[in-house]
């Protein structure tokens, strides 16, 4: 997986693959490759979302601790 990929780029590519699957426009010779790529993109997006969620929670906790002083 290209870790220089942004979340938005990964999501856009995933959306494109899903549209191709729904339209049945992927040649059978490329189907397994596209499904694998979609799976990788999903994992990448989930990882980015989890990391962002953790960071936001950390910042909120820091803010809450600072306001209690």
N, C-alpha and C. Protein backbone atom coordinates (compact mmCIF):
# COMPACT_ATOMS: atom_id res chain seq x y z
N UNK A 1 0.85 -1.18 0.00
CA UNK A 1 0.00 0.00 0.00
C UNK A 1 0.89 1.24 0.00
N UNK A 2 0.55 2.19 -0.81
CA UNK A 2 1.29 3.45 -0.91
C UNK A 2 0.94 4.32 0.29
N UNK A 3 1.88 4.46 1.23
CA UNK A 3 1.59 5.22 2.45
C UNK A 3 1.68 6.73 2.23
N UNK A 4 2.01 7.17 1.02
CA UNK A 4 1.95 8.59 0.68
C UNK A 4 0.56 8.96 0.20
N UNK A 5 -0.29 7.98 0.10
CA UNK A 5 -1.67 8.16 -0.32
C UNK A 5 -2.44 8.87 0.78
N UNK A 6 -3.21 9.88 0.41
CA UNK A 6 -4.04 10.54 1.41
C UNK A 6 -5.33 9.74 1.59
N UNK A 7 -6.00 10.02 2.68
CA UNK A 7 -7.28 9.36 2.93
C UNK A 7 -8.24 9.63 1.78
N UNK A 8 -8.30 10.88 1.32
CA UNK A 8 -9.23 11.25 0.25
C UNK A 8 -8.90 10.53 -1.05
N UNK A 9 -7.62 10.42 -1.37
CA UNK A 9 -7.22 9.69 -2.58
C UNK A 9 -7.62 8.22 -2.49
N UNK A 10 -7.40 7.62 -1.33
CA UNK A 10 -7.78 6.22 -1.14
C UNK A 10 -9.29 6.05 -1.26
N UNK A 11 -10.02 6.96 -0.66
CA UNK A 11 -11.49 6.89 -0.72
C UNK A 11 -11.98 7.07 -2.15
N UNK A 12 -11.38 8.01 -2.88
CA UNK A 12 -11.78 8.24 -4.28
C UNK A 12 -11.51 7.00 -5.13
N UNK A 13 -10.35 6.38 -4.92
CA UNK A 13 -10.02 5.17 -5.69
C UNK A 13 -10.98 4.04 -5.32
N UNK A 14 -11.27 3.90 -4.05
CA UNK A 14 -12.20 2.87 -3.60
C UNK A 14 -13.59 3.09 -4.20
N UNK A 15 -14.03 4.33 -4.20
CA UNK A 15 -15.34 4.67 -4.78
C UNK A 15 -15.37 4.31 -6.27
N UNK A 16 -14.28 4.57 -6.96
CA UNK A 16 -14.19 4.25 -8.38
C UNK A 16 -14.28 2.74 -8.61
N UNK A 17 -13.57 1.98 -7.79
CA UNK A 17 -13.60 0.52 -7.92
C UNK A 17 -15.01 -0.01 -7.65
N UNK A 18 -15.65 0.51 -6.62
CA UNK A 18 -17.02 0.07 -6.30
C UNK A 18 -17.97 0.38 -7.46
N UNK A 19 -17.83 1.56 -8.05
CA UNK A 19 -18.68 1.92 -9.19
C UNK A 19 -18.44 0.97 -10.36
N UNK A 20 -17.18 0.62 -10.60
CA UNK A 20 -16.87 -0.33 -11.68
C UNK A 20 -17.47 -1.70 -11.39
N UNK A 21 -17.41 -2.12 -10.13
CA UNK A 21 -18.00 -3.40 -9.76
C UNK A 21 -19.52 -3.39 -9.94
N UNK A 22 -20.14 -2.29 -9.52
CA UNK A 22 -21.60 -2.18 -9.64
C UNK A 22 -22.04 -2.16 -11.10
N UNK A 23 -21.23 -1.54 -11.95
CA UNK A 23 -21.56 -1.45 -13.38
C UNK A 23 -21.08 -2.66 -14.16
N UNK A 24 -20.44 -3.59 -13.45
CA UNK A 24 -19.90 -4.80 -14.08
C UNK A 24 -18.99 -4.45 -15.25
N UNK A 25 -18.19 -3.37 -15.07
CA UNK A 25 -17.32 -2.91 -16.15
C UNK A 25 -15.86 -3.35 -15.99
N UNK A 26 -15.61 -4.21 -15.01
CA UNK A 26 -14.25 -4.71 -14.79
C UNK A 26 -14.11 -6.03 -15.55
N UNK A 27 -13.13 -6.10 -16.42
CA UNK A 27 -12.90 -7.38 -17.11
C UNK A 27 -12.60 -8.49 -16.10
N UNK A 28 -13.05 -9.67 -16.39
CA UNK A 28 -12.88 -10.80 -15.48
C UNK A 28 -11.41 -11.04 -15.15
N UNK A 29 -10.53 -10.73 -16.07
CA UNK A 29 -9.10 -10.92 -15.84
C UNK A 29 -8.55 -9.97 -14.79
N UNK A 30 -9.24 -8.87 -14.53
CA UNK A 30 -8.79 -7.88 -13.56
C UNK A 30 -9.59 -7.90 -12.26
N UNK A 31 -10.64 -8.72 -12.22
CA UNK A 31 -11.56 -8.71 -11.09
C UNK A 31 -10.88 -9.00 -9.75
N UNK A 32 -10.12 -10.06 -9.68
CA UNK A 32 -9.47 -10.43 -8.41
C UNK A 32 -8.51 -9.33 -7.97
N UNK A 33 -7.78 -8.76 -8.92
CA UNK A 33 -6.84 -7.67 -8.61
C UNK A 33 -7.58 -6.45 -8.05
N UNK A 34 -8.69 -6.10 -8.65
CA UNK A 34 -9.47 -4.94 -8.20
C UNK A 34 -10.07 -5.18 -6.81
N UNK A 35 -10.56 -6.39 -6.57
CA UNK A 35 -11.14 -6.71 -5.26
C UNK A 35 -10.05 -6.67 -4.19
N UNK A 36 -8.86 -7.17 -4.51
CA UNK A 36 -7.73 -7.11 -3.57
C UNK A 36 -7.36 -5.66 -3.28
N UNK A 37 -7.29 -4.84 -4.32
CA UNK A 37 -6.96 -3.43 -4.14
C UNK A 37 -8.03 -2.75 -3.27
N UNK A 38 -9.29 -3.05 -3.51
CA UNK A 38 -10.37 -2.48 -2.70
C UNK A 38 -10.21 -2.88 -1.24
N UNK A 39 -9.88 -4.12 -1.00
CA UNK A 39 -9.66 -4.60 0.36
C UNK A 39 -8.51 -3.85 1.03
N UNK A 40 -7.42 -3.67 0.30
CA UNK A 40 -6.28 -2.92 0.83
C UNK A 40 -6.66 -1.47 1.14
N UNK A 41 -7.43 -0.86 0.26
CA UNK A 41 -7.85 0.53 0.46
C UNK A 41 -8.77 0.66 1.67
N UNK A 42 -9.65 -0.31 1.86
CA UNK A 42 -10.54 -0.30 3.02
C UNK A 42 -9.71 -0.38 4.30
N UNK A 43 -8.75 -1.28 4.34
CA UNK A 43 -7.89 -1.40 5.53
C UNK A 43 -7.11 -0.11 5.77
N UNK A 44 -6.61 0.50 4.72
CA UNK A 44 -5.85 1.74 4.83
C UNK A 44 -6.74 2.86 5.40
N UNK A 45 -7.96 2.98 4.85
CA UNK A 45 -8.88 4.02 5.32
C UNK A 45 -9.27 3.79 6.78
N UNK A 46 -9.53 2.54 7.15
CA UNK A 46 -9.86 2.24 8.54
C UNK A 46 -8.71 2.60 9.47
N UNK A 47 -7.51 2.31 9.04
CA UNK A 47 -6.33 2.64 9.84
C UNK A 47 -6.20 4.15 10.03
N UNK A 48 -6.40 4.90 8.94
CA UNK A 48 -6.32 6.36 9.02
C UNK A 48 -7.42 6.91 9.94
N UNK A 49 -8.62 6.37 9.83
CA UNK A 49 -9.73 6.83 10.67
C UNK A 49 -9.46 6.52 12.14
N UNK A 50 -8.95 5.34 12.42
CA UNK A 50 -8.63 4.97 13.81
C UNK A 50 -7.54 5.87 14.39
N UNK A 51 -6.52 6.14 13.59
CA UNK A 51 -5.42 7.01 14.05
C UNK A 51 -5.93 8.42 14.31
N UNK A 52 -6.78 8.92 13.43
CA UNK A 52 -7.34 10.26 13.60
C UNK A 52 -8.24 10.32 14.82
N UNK A 53 -9.06 9.28 15.01
CA UNK A 53 -9.93 9.21 16.17
C UNK A 53 -9.12 9.24 17.47
N UNK A 54 -8.06 8.45 17.51
CA UNK A 54 -7.20 8.42 18.70
C UNK A 54 -6.57 9.79 18.97
N UNK A 55 -6.09 10.42 17.92
CA UNK A 55 -5.45 11.72 18.07
C UNK A 55 -6.45 12.78 18.56
N UNK A 56 -7.65 12.77 18.01
CA UNK A 56 -8.67 13.73 18.43
C UNK A 56 -9.05 13.50 19.89
N UNK A 57 -9.21 12.25 20.28
CA UNK A 57 -9.54 11.95 21.68
C UNK A 57 -8.42 12.41 22.62
N UNK A 58 -7.18 12.21 22.20
CA UNK A 58 -6.04 12.65 22.98
C UNK A 58 -6.06 14.17 23.16
N UNK A 59 -6.33 14.89 22.10
CA UNK A 59 -6.37 16.35 22.15
C UNK A 59 -7.51 16.81 23.05
N UNK A 60 -8.67 16.19 22.92
CA UNK A 60 -9.82 16.55 23.76
C UNK A 60 -9.51 16.30 25.22
N UNK A 61 -8.88 15.17 25.53
CA UNK A 61 -8.51 14.88 26.92
C UNK A 61 -7.53 15.92 27.46
N UNK A 62 -6.57 16.33 26.65
CA UNK A 62 -5.62 17.34 27.06
C UNK A 62 -6.32 18.68 27.33
N UNK A 63 -7.27 19.01 26.46
CA UNK A 63 -8.03 20.26 26.65
C UNK A 63 -8.86 20.20 27.93
N UNK A 64 -9.49 19.06 28.16
CA UNK A 64 -10.31 18.91 29.38
C UNK A 64 -9.44 18.99 30.62
N UNK A 65 -8.27 18.39 30.58
CA UNK A 65 -7.37 18.44 31.73
C UNK A 65 -6.85 19.85 31.98
N UNK A 66 -6.61 20.59 30.92
CA UNK A 66 -6.11 21.96 31.08
C UNK A 66 -7.18 22.91 31.60
N UNK A 67 -8.43 22.64 31.28
CA UNK A 67 -9.50 23.54 31.74
C UNK A 67 -9.88 23.27 33.19
N UNK A 68 -9.48 22.12 33.73
CA UNK A 68 -9.81 21.80 35.12
C UNK A 68 -8.86 22.50 36.10
N UNK A 69 -7.77 23.04 35.59
CA UNK A 69 -6.80 23.69 36.48
C UNK A 69 -7.27 24.98 36.99
